[in-house]
Protein backbone atom coordinates (compact mmCIF):
# COMPACT_ATOMS: atom_id res chain seq x y z
CA UNK A 1 -2.61 -14.47 -3.30
CA UNK A 2 -0.02 -12.90 -6.41
CA UNK A 3 -1.47 -12.98 -9.65
CA UNK A 4 1.75 -15.19 -11.33
CA UNK A 5 1.32 -13.80 -15.02
CA UNK A 6 2.23 -10.76 -13.75
CA UNK A 7 4.96 -11.62 -11.04
CA UNK A 8 6.33 -13.71 -13.44
CA UNK A 9 6.81 -10.83 -15.85
CA UNK A 10 7.30 -8.07 -13.34
CA UNK A 11 4.32 -5.89 -14.93
CA UNK A 12 4.04 -3.84 -11.55
CA UNK A 13 1.93 -0.81 -11.65
CA UNK A 14 2.27 2.29 -9.44
CA UNK A 15 -0.33 4.79 -7.95
CA UNK A 16 1.57 7.96 -6.73
CA UNK A 17 -0.79 10.85 -4.48
CA UNK A 18 -1.85 11.57 -1.43
CA UNK A 19 -2.75 8.88 0.62
CA UNK A 20 -3.72 7.80 3.96
CA UNK A 21 -2.37 4.82 6.11
CA UNK A 22 -4.78 2.32 8.21
CA UNK A 23 -2.91 -0.04 10.05
CA UNK A 24 -5.32 -3.28 11.27
CA UNK A 25 -4.61 -5.12 14.38
CA UNK A 26 -6.13 -7.99 14.14
CA UNK A 27 -5.77 -11.16 16.16
CA UNK A 28 -5.06 -12.92 13.09
CA UNK A 29 -2.06 -10.47 12.62
CA UNK A 30 -3.69 -7.65 10.95
CA UNK A 31 -1.84 -5.41 7.96
CA UNK A 32 -1.10 -1.93 6.98
CA UNK A 33 -2.88 -0.05 4.35
CA UNK A 34 -2.70 2.43 1.85
CA UNK A 35 -6.19 3.90 0.76
CA UNK A 36 -6.37 6.18 -2.04
CA UNK A 37 -9.79 6.91 -1.84
CA UNK A 38 -11.83 4.33 -3.34
CA UNK A 39 -8.56 2.03 -4.43
CA UNK A 40 -6.31 0.71 -1.32
CA UNK A 41 -3.79 -1.43 -1.44
CA UNK A 42 -2.23 -3.70 1.34
CA UNK A 43 0.98 -4.54 3.16
CA UNK A 44 2.30 -6.87 6.42
CA UNK A 45 1.62 -5.48 9.11
CA UNK A 46 4.00 -3.02 10.69
CA UNK A 47 5.33 -2.43 7.03
CA UNK A 48 8.33 -0.28 7.13
CA UNK A 49 7.28 0.44 10.58
CA UNK A 50 4.83 3.18 9.16
CA UNK A 51 2.80 5.31 11.54
CA UNK A 52 -1.15 5.87 10.15
CA UNK A 53 -1.37 9.33 9.16
CA UNK A 54 -2.32 11.02 5.66
CA UNK A 55 1.23 11.35 3.32
CA UNK A 56 2.38 11.24 -0.24
CA UNK A 57 2.75 7.89 -1.23
CA UNK A 58 4.08 5.97 -4.30
CA UNK A 59 3.31 2.37 -4.46
CA UNK A 60 3.77 -0.21 -6.75
CA UNK A 61 1.63 -3.71 -6.84
CA UNK A 62 0.64 -6.13 -8.60
CA UNK A 63 -2.79 -5.99 -10.72
CA UNK A 64 -5.12 -8.61 -9.25
CA UNK A 65 -3.32 -9.13 -5.99
CA UNK A 66 -3.80 -8.75 -2.73
CA UNK A 67 -0.56 -7.11 -0.95
CA UNK A 68 1.67 -4.42 -2.39
CA UNK A 69 5.36 -4.63 -3.84
CA UNK A 70 6.71 -1.25 -2.70
CA UNK A 71 5.64 1.41 -0.40
CA UNK A 72 7.54 4.92 -0.31
CA UNK A 73 5.67 7.61 1.91
CA UNK A 74 6.34 11.49 2.30
CA UNK A 75 5.37 14.20 4.41
CA UNK A 76 1.96 15.33 2.17
CA UNK A 77 2.27 18.47 0.86
CA UNK A 78 -1.55 18.75 0.56
CA UNK A 79 -2.89 18.01 4.00
CA UNK A 80 -5.97 16.65 3.30
């Protein structure tokens, strides 16, 4: 699931900007997703208790991986 060379080298990349948070609740557990238009980063279901909606997000992730490393959300100024 993780791209081990990036994790070992601690080479996380970052997205910053308006995003939409989706929560997928499926029988196999589901996940939380930060969607930046065509790009999205996945997190565990119920990640930090975040609710679906539009936010300004700062996301760290390892390239070539499915789950994100960290997610910070703020009220969106753009109100998209």
